[in-house]
Amino acid sequence: MATHKKPILHGYFRSSCSWRVRIAFALKGIEYEQVPVNLIKDGGQQLTENFKALNPMQQVPAVQIDGITLSQSLAIIQYIEETRPGPRLLPADPMQRAQVRMICDLIASGIQPVQNLYVIQKIGADKMQWAQHFIDRGFQALEPILKETAGTFCVGDEISMADICLVPQVYNAERFKVDVNKFPTIKRLNQALVELEAFKVTHPSCQPDTPADLKT
């Protein structure tokens, strides 16, 4: 393809969906710019008219790339996969590819949306128990699937979109005090993945908008 301008990622350091996109960029070796969108400050910068013009859903991430704006992390990652060289994020084998998509959808549709910031703000005082319940419920489904599909990584021995989705969700689970020890396959995979450079450099603890007291 022609020479690309740097993509611009509008995201939030602790947003698991933003983290997915950061991991994908890192795995592909793509340089990008970050524009922080603070989901807490001033009632939530994602709710401003300026950001609504960028993403009518008023969520992060949004990515400006190749003259278009994309939202929804999986759509962004698949666009990167289809337009950029580098390590593939979807397996060549159709069955494994379907397994990767299944795991991604389980996390991105079945777990994360019911424990995201917008939802737990509506729940109020019971938000911790709410998030624990739905993450635990999702992990109970995910664990036996990963027992069947996993090798070194979520599906076989190549990093894929499934791994990109798993690590931020385990981070959320730990934030909400879910006992990850109950899910040994999830725990093993996460421990291996977080040691990889692409996952380290994109971690919420070291982003441009990470608060000073959370930086490592």
N, C-alpha and C. Protein backbone atom coordinates (compact mmCIF):
# COMPACT_ATOMS: atom_id res chain seq x y z
N MET A 1 0.84 -1.20 0.00
CA MET A 1 0.00 0.00 0.00
C MET A 1 0.87 1.25 0.00
N ALA A 2 0.27 2.38 -0.23
CA ALA A 2 1.00 3.64 -0.23
C ALA A 2 1.48 3.97 1.18
N THR A 3 2.38 4.95 1.25
CA THR A 3 2.89 5.39 2.54
C THR A 3 1.74 5.88 3.41
N HIS A 4 1.74 5.46 4.65
CA HIS A 4 0.65 5.81 5.56
C HIS A 4 1.10 6.91 6.52
N LYS A 5 0.18 7.81 6.85
CA LYS A 5 0.40 8.70 7.98
C LYS A 5 0.22 7.87 9.26
N LYS A 6 0.81 8.36 10.34
CA LYS A 6 0.63 7.67 11.62
C LYS A 6 -0.85 7.65 11.99
N PRO A 7 -1.39 6.51 12.36
CA PRO A 7 -2.74 6.48 12.91
C PRO A 7 -2.80 7.27 14.21
N ILE A 8 -3.97 7.76 14.52
CA ILE A 8 -4.20 8.48 15.78
C ILE A 8 -5.22 7.70 16.59
N LEU A 9 -4.78 7.27 17.77
CA LEU A 9 -5.65 6.51 18.68
C LEU A 9 -6.19 7.44 19.75
N HIS A 10 -7.50 7.58 19.77
CA HIS A 10 -8.18 8.30 20.85
C HIS A 10 -8.61 7.25 21.86
N GLY A 11 -8.00 7.27 23.03
CA GLY A 11 -8.27 6.21 24.00
C GLY A 11 -8.04 6.67 25.42
N TYR A 12 -8.11 5.72 26.32
CA TYR A 12 -7.96 5.98 27.76
C TYR A 12 -7.05 4.90 28.31
N PHE A 13 -6.14 5.26 29.17
CA PHE A 13 -5.09 4.34 29.62
C PHE A 13 -5.64 3.03 30.15
N ARG A 14 -6.77 3.08 30.86
CA ARG A 14 -7.30 1.89 31.54
C ARG A 14 -8.45 1.23 30.78
N SER A 15 -8.81 1.79 29.65
CA SER A 15 -9.84 1.17 28.82
C SER A 15 -9.30 -0.12 28.22
N SER A 16 -9.96 -1.24 28.49
CA SER A 16 -9.48 -2.51 27.95
C SER A 16 -9.61 -2.54 26.43
N CYS A 17 -10.62 -1.86 25.90
CA CYS A 17 -10.79 -1.83 24.44
C CYS A 17 -9.68 -1.01 23.79
N SER A 18 -9.28 0.09 24.42
CA SER A 18 -8.15 0.87 23.92
C SER A 18 -6.86 0.06 24.01
N TRP A 19 -6.71 -0.69 25.09
CA TRP A 19 -5.50 -1.50 25.27
C TRP A 19 -5.40 -2.55 24.17
N ARG A 20 -6.52 -3.15 23.79
CA ARG A 20 -6.49 -4.12 22.68
C ARG A 20 -5.84 -3.51 21.44
N VAL A 21 -6.27 -2.31 21.11
CA VAL A 21 -5.75 -1.66 19.90
C VAL A 21 -4.27 -1.33 20.06
N ARG A 22 -3.87 -0.87 21.24
CA ARG A 22 -2.45 -0.60 21.47
C ARG A 22 -1.61 -1.87 21.28
N ILE A 23 -2.11 -3.00 21.78
CA ILE A 23 -1.38 -4.26 21.62
C ILE A 23 -1.26 -4.61 20.14
N ALA A 24 -2.33 -4.47 19.40
CA ALA A 24 -2.30 -4.79 17.97
C ALA A 24 -1.28 -3.92 17.23
N PHE A 25 -1.29 -2.64 17.51
CA PHE A 25 -0.30 -1.74 16.90
C PHE A 25 1.12 -2.20 17.26
N ALA A 26 1.33 -2.55 18.52
CA ALA A 26 2.67 -2.95 18.97
C ALA A 26 3.10 -4.25 18.29
N LEU A 27 2.21 -5.22 18.21
CA LEU A 27 2.55 -6.50 17.57
C LEU A 27 2.89 -6.32 16.10
N LYS A 28 2.20 -5.39 15.46
CA LYS A 28 2.44 -5.13 14.03
C LYS A 28 3.61 -4.18 13.80
N GLY A 29 4.14 -3.59 14.89
CA GLY A 29 5.23 -2.64 14.74
C GLY A 29 4.81 -1.33 14.12
N ILE A 30 3.58 -0.91 14.37
CA ILE A 30 3.02 0.32 13.78
C ILE A 30 3.20 1.48 14.75
N GLU A 31 3.83 2.54 14.29
CA GLU A 31 3.92 3.76 15.09
C GLU A 31 2.58 4.50 15.01
N TYR A 32 2.17 5.07 16.13
CA TYR A 32 0.89 5.77 16.17
C TYR A 32 0.96 6.88 17.19
N GLU A 33 0.03 7.80 17.09
CA GLU A 33 -0.09 8.88 18.06
C GLU A 33 -1.28 8.59 18.98
N GLN A 34 -1.16 9.07 20.21
CA GLN A 34 -2.25 8.89 21.16
C GLN A 34 -2.84 10.24 21.55
N VAL A 35 -4.16 10.31 21.56
CA VAL A 35 -4.89 11.47 22.07
C VAL A 35 -5.73 10.97 23.24
N PRO A 36 -5.33 11.30 24.47
CA PRO A 36 -6.07 10.79 25.62
C PRO A 36 -7.49 11.35 25.70
N VAL A 37 -8.41 10.49 26.08
CA VAL A 37 -9.80 10.87 26.33
C VAL A 37 -10.10 10.40 27.75
N ASN A 38 -10.17 11.33 28.68
CA ASN A 38 -10.36 10.98 30.09
C ASN A 38 -11.83 10.64 30.34
N LEU A 39 -12.09 9.40 30.68
CA LEU A 39 -13.46 8.93 30.85
C LEU A 39 -14.09 9.37 32.16
N ILE A 40 -13.28 9.97 33.03
CA ILE A 40 -13.75 10.39 34.36
C ILE A 40 -13.83 11.92 34.48
N LYS A 41 -12.79 12.59 34.02
CA LYS A 41 -12.67 14.05 34.21
C LYS A 41 -13.83 14.80 33.56
N ASP A 42 -14.30 15.82 34.27
CA ASP A 42 -15.38 16.68 33.76
C ASP A 42 -16.62 15.89 33.35
N GLY A 43 -16.87 14.81 34.08
CA GLY A 43 -18.03 14.00 33.75
C GLY A 43 -17.81 13.03 32.61
N GLY A 44 -16.61 13.04 32.03
CA GLY A 44 -16.29 12.13 30.94
C GLY A 44 -16.11 12.87 29.62
N GLN A 45 -14.88 12.98 29.18
CA GLN A 45 -14.59 13.71 27.94
C GLN A 45 -15.17 13.02 26.71
N GLN A 46 -15.48 11.73 26.83
CA GLN A 46 -16.10 11.02 25.71
C GLN A 46 -17.53 11.49 25.44
N LEU A 47 -18.09 12.23 26.38
CA LEU A 47 -19.47 12.69 26.25
C LEU A 47 -19.57 14.08 25.64
N THR A 48 -18.43 14.66 25.29
CA THR A 48 -18.45 16.00 24.70
C THR A 48 -18.95 15.94 23.26
N GLU A 49 -19.40 17.07 22.76
CA GLU A 49 -19.86 17.14 21.37
C GLU A 49 -18.71 16.89 20.40
N ASN A 50 -17.52 17.37 20.77
CA ASN A 50 -16.36 17.16 19.89
C ASN A 50 -16.08 15.67 19.71
N PHE A 51 -16.11 14.93 20.81
CA PHE A 51 -15.83 13.50 20.68
C PHE A 51 -17.01 12.76 20.04
N LYS A 52 -18.21 13.21 20.30
CA LYS A 52 -19.38 12.59 19.68
C LYS A 52 -19.31 12.68 18.16
N ALA A 53 -18.72 13.78 17.66
CA ALA A 53 -18.55 13.92 16.21
C ALA A 53 -17.56 12.89 15.68
N LEU A 54 -16.63 12.49 16.52
CA LEU A 54 -15.63 11.49 16.13
C LEU A 54 -16.21 10.09 16.22
N ASN A 55 -16.91 9.81 17.33
CA ASN A 55 -17.53 8.50 17.54
C ASN A 55 -18.91 8.72 18.16
N PRO A 56 -19.96 8.60 17.36
CA PRO A 56 -21.31 8.86 17.87
C PRO A 56 -21.71 7.99 19.06
N MET A 57 -21.04 6.84 19.24
CA MET A 57 -21.33 5.97 20.38
C MET A 57 -20.74 6.53 21.67
N GLN A 58 -19.84 7.52 21.55
CA GLN A 58 -19.22 8.18 22.70
C GLN A 58 -18.48 7.19 23.60
N GLN A 59 -17.71 6.33 22.94
CA GLN A 59 -16.87 5.37 23.63
C GLN A 59 -15.48 5.40 23.03
N VAL A 60 -14.51 4.94 23.80
CA VAL A 60 -13.17 4.73 23.26
C VAL A 60 -13.00 3.22 23.04
N PRO A 61 -12.15 2.86 22.06
CA PRO A 61 -11.29 3.72 21.27
C PRO A 61 -11.98 4.21 20.00
N ALA A 62 -11.36 5.26 19.43
CA ALA A 62 -11.63 5.66 18.06
C ALA A 62 -10.26 5.87 17.41
N VAL A 63 -10.13 5.42 16.20
CA VAL A 63 -8.84 5.51 15.51
C VAL A 63 -9.04 6.20 14.16
N GLN A 64 -8.24 7.23 13.95
CA GLN A 64 -8.19 7.89 12.64
C GLN A 64 -7.04 7.26 11.87
N ILE A 65 -7.38 6.65 10.75
CA ILE A 65 -6.40 5.87 10.00
C ILE A 65 -6.77 5.86 8.52
N ASP A 66 -5.82 6.13 7.67
CA ASP A 66 -6.02 6.07 6.22
C ASP A 66 -7.20 6.92 5.75
N GLY A 67 -7.42 8.05 6.42
CA GLY A 67 -8.46 8.97 5.98
C GLY A 67 -9.86 8.63 6.47
N ILE A 68 -9.98 7.60 7.31
CA ILE A 68 -11.28 7.27 7.89
C ILE A 68 -11.16 7.20 9.40
N THR A 69 -12.30 7.21 10.07
CA THR A 69 -12.33 7.03 11.52
C THR A 69 -13.07 5.73 11.82
N LEU A 70 -12.42 4.89 12.60
CA LEU A 70 -13.02 3.61 12.99
C LEU A 70 -13.20 3.57 14.50
N SER A 71 -14.31 3.00 14.93
CA SER A 71 -14.51 2.69 16.34
C SER A 71 -14.75 1.18 16.44
N GLN A 72 -14.91 0.69 17.66
CA GLN A 72 -15.05 -0.73 17.97
C GLN A 72 -13.70 -1.43 17.77
N SER A 73 -13.14 -1.88 18.87
CA SER A 73 -11.76 -2.36 18.86
C SER A 73 -11.52 -3.52 17.90
N LEU A 74 -12.45 -4.47 17.82
CA LEU A 74 -12.22 -5.62 16.95
C LEU A 74 -12.25 -5.22 15.49
N ALA A 75 -13.11 -4.29 15.13
CA ALA A 75 -13.13 -3.79 13.75
C ALA A 75 -11.81 -3.09 13.42
N ILE A 76 -11.30 -2.31 14.37
CA ILE A 76 -10.03 -1.61 14.18
C ILE A 76 -8.90 -2.62 13.99
N ILE A 77 -8.85 -3.62 14.86
CA ILE A 77 -7.78 -4.61 14.79
C ILE A 77 -7.85 -5.41 13.49
N GLN A 78 -9.05 -5.77 13.06
CA GLN A 78 -9.17 -6.51 11.81
C GLN A 78 -8.77 -5.64 10.61
N TYR A 79 -9.06 -4.35 10.67
CA TYR A 79 -8.60 -3.46 9.60
C TYR A 79 -7.07 -3.41 9.56
N ILE A 80 -6.46 -3.28 10.73
CA ILE A 80 -5.00 -3.30 10.80
C ILE A 80 -4.46 -4.61 10.22
N GLU A 81 -5.08 -5.70 10.59
CA GLU A 81 -4.65 -7.01 10.11
C GLU A 81 -4.72 -7.10 8.58
N GLU A 82 -5.76 -6.53 8.02
CA GLU A 82 -5.99 -6.66 6.58
C GLU A 82 -5.21 -5.65 5.74
N THR A 83 -4.66 -4.62 6.38
CA THR A 83 -3.99 -3.57 5.60
C THR A 83 -2.53 -3.37 5.95
N ARG A 84 -2.03 -4.04 6.95
CA ARG A 84 -0.65 -3.83 7.38
C ARG A 84 0.11 -5.16 7.44
N PRO A 85 1.40 -5.13 7.07
CA PRO A 85 2.21 -6.33 7.19
C PRO A 85 2.56 -6.61 8.65
N GLY A 86 3.38 -7.61 8.84
CA GLY A 86 3.79 -7.95 10.21
C GLY A 86 3.16 -9.24 10.64
N PRO A 87 3.40 -9.64 11.86
CA PRO A 87 2.85 -10.92 12.35
C PRO A 87 1.34 -10.95 12.20
N ARG A 88 0.83 -12.07 11.71
CA ARG A 88 -0.62 -12.15 11.52
C ARG A 88 -1.32 -12.30 12.86
N LEU A 89 -2.49 -11.73 12.95
CA LEU A 89 -3.27 -11.75 14.18
C LEU A 89 -4.45 -12.71 14.10
N LEU A 90 -4.66 -13.27 12.90
CA LEU A 90 -5.65 -14.32 12.70
C LEU A 90 -4.96 -15.51 12.05
N PRO A 91 -5.19 -16.73 12.54
CA PRO A 91 -4.51 -17.89 11.99
C PRO A 91 -4.87 -18.14 10.53
N ALA A 92 -4.01 -18.85 9.83
CA ALA A 92 -4.29 -19.22 8.44
C ALA A 92 -5.37 -20.31 8.37
N ASP A 93 -5.38 -21.21 9.34
CA ASP A 93 -6.33 -22.31 9.34
C ASP A 93 -7.74 -21.82 9.65
N PRO A 94 -8.74 -22.16 8.81
CA PRO A 94 -10.10 -21.64 9.03
C PRO A 94 -10.71 -22.03 10.37
N MET A 95 -10.43 -23.26 10.84
CA MET A 95 -10.99 -23.68 12.12
C MET A 95 -10.40 -22.88 13.27
N GLN A 96 -9.08 -22.71 13.25
CA GLN A 96 -8.44 -21.91 14.29
C GLN A 96 -8.89 -20.45 14.21
N ARG A 97 -9.05 -19.95 13.00
CA ARG A 97 -9.52 -18.58 12.81
C ARG A 97 -10.90 -18.40 13.44
N ALA A 98 -11.76 -19.38 13.25
CA ALA A 98 -13.10 -19.33 13.86
C ALA A 98 -13.01 -19.39 15.38
N GLN A 99 -12.09 -20.21 15.90
CA GLN A 99 -11.92 -20.29 17.35
C GLN A 99 -11.44 -18.95 17.92
N VAL A 100 -10.52 -18.31 17.22
CA VAL A 100 -10.05 -16.99 17.66
C VAL A 100 -11.22 -16.01 17.72
N ARG A 101 -12.01 -15.99 16.67
CA ARG A 101 -13.15 -15.05 16.63
C ARG A 101 -14.16 -15.38 17.73
N MET A 102 -14.38 -16.67 17.98
CA MET A 102 -15.29 -17.08 19.05
C MET A 102 -14.82 -16.54 20.40
N ILE A 103 -13.54 -16.70 20.70
CA ILE A 103 -12.99 -16.23 21.98
C ILE A 103 -13.07 -14.71 22.07
N CYS A 104 -12.74 -14.04 20.97
CA CYS A 104 -12.83 -12.57 20.95
C CYS A 104 -14.25 -12.11 21.23
N ASP A 105 -15.22 -12.74 20.58
CA ASP A 105 -16.60 -12.34 20.77
C ASP A 105 -17.10 -12.65 22.18
N LEU A 106 -16.66 -13.77 22.73
CA LEU A 106 -17.06 -14.11 24.09
C LEU A 106 -16.62 -13.01 25.06
N ILE A 107 -15.39 -12.55 24.89
CA ILE A 107 -14.86 -11.51 25.77
C ILE A 107 -15.47 -10.15 25.43
N ALA A 108 -15.41 -9.79 24.15
CA ALA A 108 -15.78 -8.43 23.74
C ALA A 108 -17.28 -8.19 23.74
N SER A 109 -18.07 -9.26 23.63
CA SER A 109 -19.53 -9.11 23.65
C SER A 109 -20.16 -9.69 24.91
N GLY A 110 -19.55 -10.74 25.48
CA GLY A 110 -20.18 -11.44 26.58
C GLY A 110 -19.71 -11.07 27.97
N ILE A 111 -18.51 -10.46 28.06
CA ILE A 111 -17.98 -10.12 29.39
C ILE A 111 -17.78 -8.62 29.54
N GLN A 112 -16.95 -8.04 28.71
CA GLN A 112 -16.53 -6.65 28.90
C GLN A 112 -17.67 -5.64 28.92
N PRO A 113 -18.66 -5.74 28.02
CA PRO A 113 -19.69 -4.69 28.01
C PRO A 113 -20.50 -4.58 29.29
N VAL A 114 -20.69 -5.70 30.00
CA VAL A 114 -21.52 -5.63 31.21
C VAL A 114 -20.73 -5.21 32.45
N GLN A 115 -19.41 -4.99 32.29
CA GLN A 115 -18.62 -4.49 33.43
C GLN A 115 -17.85 -3.24 33.04
N ASN A 116 -18.25 -2.59 31.93
CA ASN A 116 -17.51 -1.39 31.54
C ASN A 116 -17.95 -0.20 32.39
N LEU A 117 -17.25 0.89 32.22
CA LEU A 117 -17.45 2.05 33.10
C LEU A 117 -18.89 2.57 33.07
N TYR A 118 -19.45 2.68 31.88
CA TYR A 118 -20.80 3.24 31.75
C TYR A 118 -21.82 2.40 32.53
N VAL A 119 -21.69 1.08 32.43
CA VAL A 119 -22.64 0.20 33.11
C VAL A 119 -22.45 0.26 34.62
N ILE A 120 -21.21 0.14 35.08
CA ILE A 120 -21.04 0.08 36.55
C ILE A 120 -21.35 1.43 37.20
N GLN A 121 -21.22 2.52 36.44
CA GLN A 121 -21.65 3.81 37.00
C GLN A 121 -23.15 3.80 37.25
N LYS A 122 -23.91 3.13 36.40
CA LYS A 122 -25.36 3.04 36.58
C LYS A 122 -25.73 2.12 37.75
N ILE A 123 -24.87 1.13 38.02
CA ILE A 123 -25.16 0.16 39.08
C ILE A 123 -25.01 0.79 40.46
N GLY A 124 -24.02 1.69 40.60
CA GLY A 124 -23.84 2.38 41.86
C GLY A 124 -23.09 1.57 42.89
N ALA A 125 -23.62 1.49 44.10
CA ALA A 125 -22.88 0.93 45.25
C ALA A 125 -22.54 -0.54 45.07
N ASP A 126 -23.31 -1.25 44.25
CA ASP A 126 -23.09 -2.69 44.08
C ASP A 126 -22.18 -3.00 42.89
N LYS A 127 -21.45 -1.99 42.42
CA LYS A 127 -20.70 -2.19 41.16
C LYS A 127 -19.62 -3.26 41.28
N MET A 128 -18.97 -3.37 42.43
CA MET A 128 -17.92 -4.38 42.58
C MET A 128 -18.50 -5.79 42.45
N GLN A 129 -19.59 -6.05 43.17
CA GLN A 129 -20.21 -7.37 43.12
C GLN A 129 -20.76 -7.66 41.72
N TRP A 130 -21.32 -6.65 41.10
CA TRP A 130 -21.86 -6.80 39.73
C TRP A 130 -20.74 -7.22 38.76
N ALA A 131 -19.64 -6.48 38.78
CA ALA A 131 -18.53 -6.77 37.88
C ALA A 131 -17.95 -8.14 38.16
N GLN A 132 -17.77 -8.47 39.45
CA GLN A 132 -17.25 -9.79 39.81
C GLN A 132 -18.14 -10.90 39.26
N HIS A 133 -19.44 -10.74 39.41
CA HIS A 133 -20.37 -11.77 38.96
C HIS A 133 -20.25 -12.03 37.47
N PHE A 134 -20.24 -10.96 36.67
CA PHE A 134 -20.27 -11.16 35.23
C PHE A 134 -18.91 -11.56 34.67
N ILE A 135 -17.84 -11.11 35.28
CA ILE A 135 -16.52 -11.58 34.84
C ILE A 135 -16.35 -13.05 35.21
N ASP A 136 -16.71 -13.40 36.43
CA ASP A 136 -16.61 -14.80 36.87
C ASP A 136 -17.46 -15.70 35.97
N ARG A 137 -18.66 -15.26 35.68
CA ARG A 137 -19.56 -16.04 34.81
C ARG A 137 -18.93 -16.23 33.43
N GLY A 138 -18.36 -15.17 32.89
CA GLY A 138 -17.72 -15.27 31.58
C GLY A 138 -16.50 -16.16 31.59
N PHE A 139 -15.70 -16.06 32.66
CA PHE A 139 -14.50 -16.90 32.76
C PHE A 139 -14.86 -18.37 32.93
N GLN A 140 -16.00 -18.66 33.58
CA GLN A 140 -16.44 -20.05 33.69
C GLN A 140 -16.71 -20.65 32.32
N ALA A 141 -17.15 -19.85 31.39
CA ALA A 141 -17.36 -20.32 30.01
C ALA A 141 -16.05 -20.34 29.23
N LEU A 142 -15.21 -19.34 29.46
CA LEU A 142 -13.97 -19.20 28.69
C LEU A 142 -12.94 -20.27 29.04
N GLU A 143 -12.85 -20.64 30.31
CA GLU A 143 -11.83 -21.60 30.76
C GLU A 143 -11.90 -22.93 30.01
N PRO A 144 -13.05 -23.60 29.92
CA PRO A 144 -13.07 -24.88 29.21
C PRO A 144 -12.82 -24.73 27.71
N ILE A 145 -13.21 -23.61 27.13
CA ILE A 145 -12.91 -23.37 25.71
C ILE A 145 -11.41 -23.29 25.51
N LEU A 146 -10.73 -22.51 26.35
CA LEU A 146 -9.28 -22.35 26.22
C LEU A 146 -8.54 -23.66 26.50
N LYS A 147 -9.07 -24.49 27.38
CA LYS A 147 -8.45 -25.80 27.61
C LYS A 147 -8.38 -26.60 26.32
N GLU A 148 -9.39 -26.42 25.46
CA GLU A 148 -9.45 -27.15 24.20
C GLU A 148 -8.60 -26.50 23.11
N THR A 149 -8.52 -25.18 23.11
CA THR A 149 -7.89 -24.47 21.97
C THR A 149 -6.44 -24.08 22.21
N ALA A 150 -6.03 -23.98 23.47
CA ALA A 150 -4.75 -23.35 23.78
C ALA A 150 -3.57 -24.28 23.51
N GLY A 151 -2.49 -23.63 23.07
CA GLY A 151 -1.16 -24.22 23.08
C GLY A 151 -0.34 -23.31 23.97
N THR A 152 0.67 -22.69 23.37
CA THR A 152 1.41 -21.67 24.10
C THR A 152 0.53 -20.46 24.36
N PHE A 153 -0.35 -20.19 23.39
CA PHE A 153 -1.24 -19.03 23.47
C PHE A 153 -2.69 -19.49 23.38
N CYS A 154 -3.62 -18.56 23.24
CA CYS A 154 -5.05 -18.92 23.35
C CYS A 154 -5.48 -19.96 22.32
N VAL A 155 -5.01 -19.80 21.09
CA VAL A 155 -5.33 -20.76 20.03
C VAL A 155 -4.01 -21.22 19.42
N GLY A 156 -3.60 -22.41 19.77
CA GLY A 156 -2.34 -22.92 19.25
C GLY A 156 -1.13 -22.18 19.79
N ASP A 157 -0.12 -22.07 18.95
CA ASP A 157 1.17 -21.52 19.39
C ASP A 157 1.54 -20.19 18.75
N GLU A 158 0.54 -19.52 18.15
CA GLU A 158 0.76 -18.19 17.60
C GLU A 158 -0.12 -17.18 18.33
N ILE A 159 0.44 -16.01 18.59
CA ILE A 159 -0.36 -14.93 19.18
C ILE A 159 -1.44 -14.51 18.19
N SER A 160 -2.62 -14.27 18.70
CA SER A 160 -3.74 -13.88 17.84
C SER A 160 -4.59 -12.82 18.54
N MET A 161 -5.65 -12.43 17.85
CA MET A 161 -6.60 -11.49 18.43
C MET A 161 -7.18 -11.99 19.74
N ALA A 162 -7.26 -13.31 19.89
CA ALA A 162 -7.79 -13.86 21.14
C ALA A 162 -6.92 -13.46 22.32
N ASP A 163 -5.61 -13.52 22.15
CA ASP A 163 -4.68 -13.11 23.21
C ASP A 163 -4.78 -11.62 23.48
N ILE A 164 -4.98 -10.86 22.40
CA ILE A 164 -5.13 -9.41 22.52
C ILE A 164 -6.35 -9.07 23.38
N CYS A 165 -7.40 -9.88 23.28
CA CYS A 165 -8.60 -9.65 24.09
C CYS A 165 -8.45 -10.19 25.51
N LEU A 166 -7.73 -11.29 25.64
CA LEU A 166 -7.65 -11.94 26.95
C LEU A 166 -6.95 -11.09 28.00
N VAL A 167 -5.79 -10.57 27.68
CA VAL A 167 -4.97 -9.90 28.70
C VAL A 167 -5.68 -8.70 29.32
N PRO A 168 -6.26 -7.79 28.54
CA PRO A 168 -6.98 -6.68 29.19
C PRO A 168 -8.15 -7.15 30.05
N GLN A 169 -8.79 -8.26 29.65
CA GLN A 169 -9.91 -8.73 30.46
C GLN A 169 -9.44 -9.32 31.78
N VAL A 170 -8.30 -9.98 31.78
CA VAL A 170 -7.74 -10.48 33.05
C VAL A 170 -7.34 -9.30 33.94
N TYR A 171 -6.80 -8.26 33.33
CA TYR A 171 -6.47 -7.04 34.09
C TYR A 171 -7.73 -6.50 34.77
N ASN A 172 -8.84 -6.46 34.04
CA ASN A 172 -10.10 -6.01 34.63
C ASN A 172 -10.52 -6.94 35.76
N ALA A 173 -10.39 -8.24 35.53
CA ALA A 173 -10.76 -9.21 36.56
C ALA A 173 -9.99 -8.96 37.85
N GLU A 174 -8.69 -8.70 37.72
CA GLU A 174 -7.87 -8.45 38.91
C GLU A 174 -8.26 -7.14 39.58
N ARG A 175 -8.59 -6.13 38.78
CA ARG A 175 -9.05 -4.85 39.36
C ARG A 175 -10.30 -5.06 40.20
N PHE A 176 -11.19 -5.94 39.74
CA PHE A 176 -12.46 -6.16 40.44
C PHE A 176 -12.40 -7.35 41.41
N LYS A 177 -11.16 -7.78 41.72
CA LYS A 177 -10.93 -8.79 42.77
C LYS A 177 -11.55 -10.15 42.44
N VAL A 178 -11.58 -10.50 41.17
CA VAL A 178 -12.01 -11.84 40.79
C VAL A 178 -10.85 -12.81 41.07
N ASP A 179 -11.16 -13.96 41.60
CA ASP A 179 -10.14 -14.96 41.91
C ASP A 179 -9.76 -15.70 40.63
N VAL A 180 -8.70 -15.23 39.99
CA VAL A 180 -8.26 -15.83 38.72
C VAL A 180 -7.65 -17.20 38.93
N ASN A 181 -7.27 -17.52 40.16
CA ASN A 181 -6.71 -18.85 40.45
C ASN A 181 -7.70 -19.97 40.14
N LYS A 182 -8.97 -19.65 40.10
CA LYS A 182 -9.99 -20.65 39.78
C LYS A 182 -9.94 -21.06 38.31
N PHE A 183 -9.19 -20.31 37.52
CA PHE A 183 -9.19 -20.51 36.07
C PHE A 183 -7.74 -20.72 35.60
N PRO A 184 -7.20 -21.92 35.83
CA PRO A 184 -5.77 -22.14 35.61
C PRO A 184 -5.29 -21.92 34.18
N THR A 185 -6.11 -22.22 33.19
CA THR A 185 -5.69 -22.00 31.81
C THR A 185 -5.62 -20.51 31.50
N ILE A 186 -6.63 -19.78 31.92
CA ILE A 186 -6.62 -18.33 31.75
C ILE A 186 -5.41 -17.73 32.44
N LYS A 187 -5.15 -18.17 33.67
CA LYS A 187 -4.03 -17.64 34.44
C LYS A 187 -2.70 -17.94 33.75
N ARG A 188 -2.53 -19.17 33.28
CA ARG A 188 -1.27 -19.55 32.62
C ARG A 188 -1.02 -18.72 31.37
N LEU A 189 -2.04 -18.60 30.55
CA LEU A 189 -1.90 -17.84 29.30
C LEU A 189 -1.58 -16.38 29.59
N ASN A 190 -2.30 -15.81 30.54
CA ASN A 190 -2.07 -14.40 30.87
C ASN A 190 -0.66 -14.17 31.38
N GLN A 191 -0.17 -15.07 32.24
CA GLN A 191 1.17 -14.91 32.79
C GLN A 191 2.23 -14.94 31.70
N ALA A 192 2.03 -15.78 30.69
CA ALA A 192 2.99 -15.84 29.58
C ALA A 192 2.91 -14.59 28.71
N LEU A 193 1.70 -14.13 28.46
CA LEU A 193 1.51 -13.00 27.55
C LEU A 193 2.02 -11.69 28.13
N VAL A 194 1.79 -11.45 29.41
CA VAL A 194 2.18 -10.16 29.98
C VAL A 194 3.69 -9.98 30.05
N GLU A 195 4.44 -11.05 29.82
CA GLU A 195 5.89 -10.94 29.79
C GLU A 195 6.41 -10.55 28.40
N LEU A 196 5.54 -10.52 27.41
CA LEU A 196 5.95 -10.17 26.04
C LEU A 196 5.98 -8.65 25.88
N GLU A 197 6.93 -8.18 25.09
CA GLU A 197 7.17 -6.74 24.97
C GLU A 197 5.94 -5.97 24.52
N ALA A 198 5.21 -6.51 23.55
CA ALA A 198 4.04 -5.80 23.02
C ALA A 198 2.97 -5.58 24.08
N PHE A 199 2.90 -6.46 25.05
CA PHE A 199 1.93 -6.33 26.12
C PHE A 199 2.47 -5.44 27.24
N LYS A 200 3.78 -5.48 27.45
CA LYS A 200 4.39 -4.63 28.48
C LYS A 200 4.30 -3.15 28.12
N VAL A 201 4.70 -2.79 26.90
CA VAL A 201 4.78 -1.37 26.53
C VAL A 201 3.41 -0.73 26.37
N THR A 202 2.38 -1.55 26.23
CA THR A 202 1.02 -1.02 26.06
C THR A 202 0.21 -1.08 27.35
N HIS A 203 0.82 -1.56 28.41
CA HIS A 203 0.11 -1.75 29.69
C HIS A 203 -0.44 -0.41 30.21
N PRO A 204 -1.60 -0.43 30.86
CA PRO A 204 -2.17 0.81 31.40
C PRO A 204 -1.26 1.58 32.35
N SER A 205 -0.29 0.91 32.94
CA SER A 205 0.57 1.57 33.92
C SER A 205 1.64 2.47 33.29
N CYS A 206 1.76 2.46 31.96
CA CYS A 206 2.84 3.24 31.34
C CYS A 206 2.38 4.00 30.10
N GLN A 207 1.17 4.52 30.14
CA GLN A 207 0.65 5.29 29.01
C GLN A 207 0.79 6.79 29.26
N PRO A 208 0.72 7.59 28.22
CA PRO A 208 0.89 9.04 28.39
C PRO A 208 -0.10 9.65 29.38
N ASP A 209 -1.30 9.08 29.46
CA ASP A 209 -2.32 9.64 30.36
C ASP A 209 -2.47 8.86 31.66
N THR A 210 -1.56 7.93 31.93
CA THR A 210 -1.59 7.22 33.22
C THR A 210 -1.32 8.19 34.36
N PRO A 211 -2.19 8.27 35.35
CA PRO A 211 -1.92 9.15 36.50
C PRO A 211 -0.60 8.80 37.18
N ALA A 212 0.06 9.78 37.73
CA ALA A 212 1.38 9.58 38.32
C ALA A 212 1.39 8.50 39.38
N ASP A 213 0.31 8.40 40.17
CA ASP A 213 0.29 7.42 41.25
C ASP A 213 0.07 6.00 40.77
N LEU A 214 -0.25 5.83 39.48
CA LEU A 214 -0.45 4.49 38.92
C LEU A 214 0.65 4.09 37.96
N LYS A 215 1.58 5.00 37.71
CA LYS A 215 2.67 4.70 36.78
C LYS A 215 3.68 3.76 37.41
N THR A 216 4.23 2.88 36.57
CA THR A 216 5.32 2.01 37.03
C THR A 216 6.48 2.10 36.06
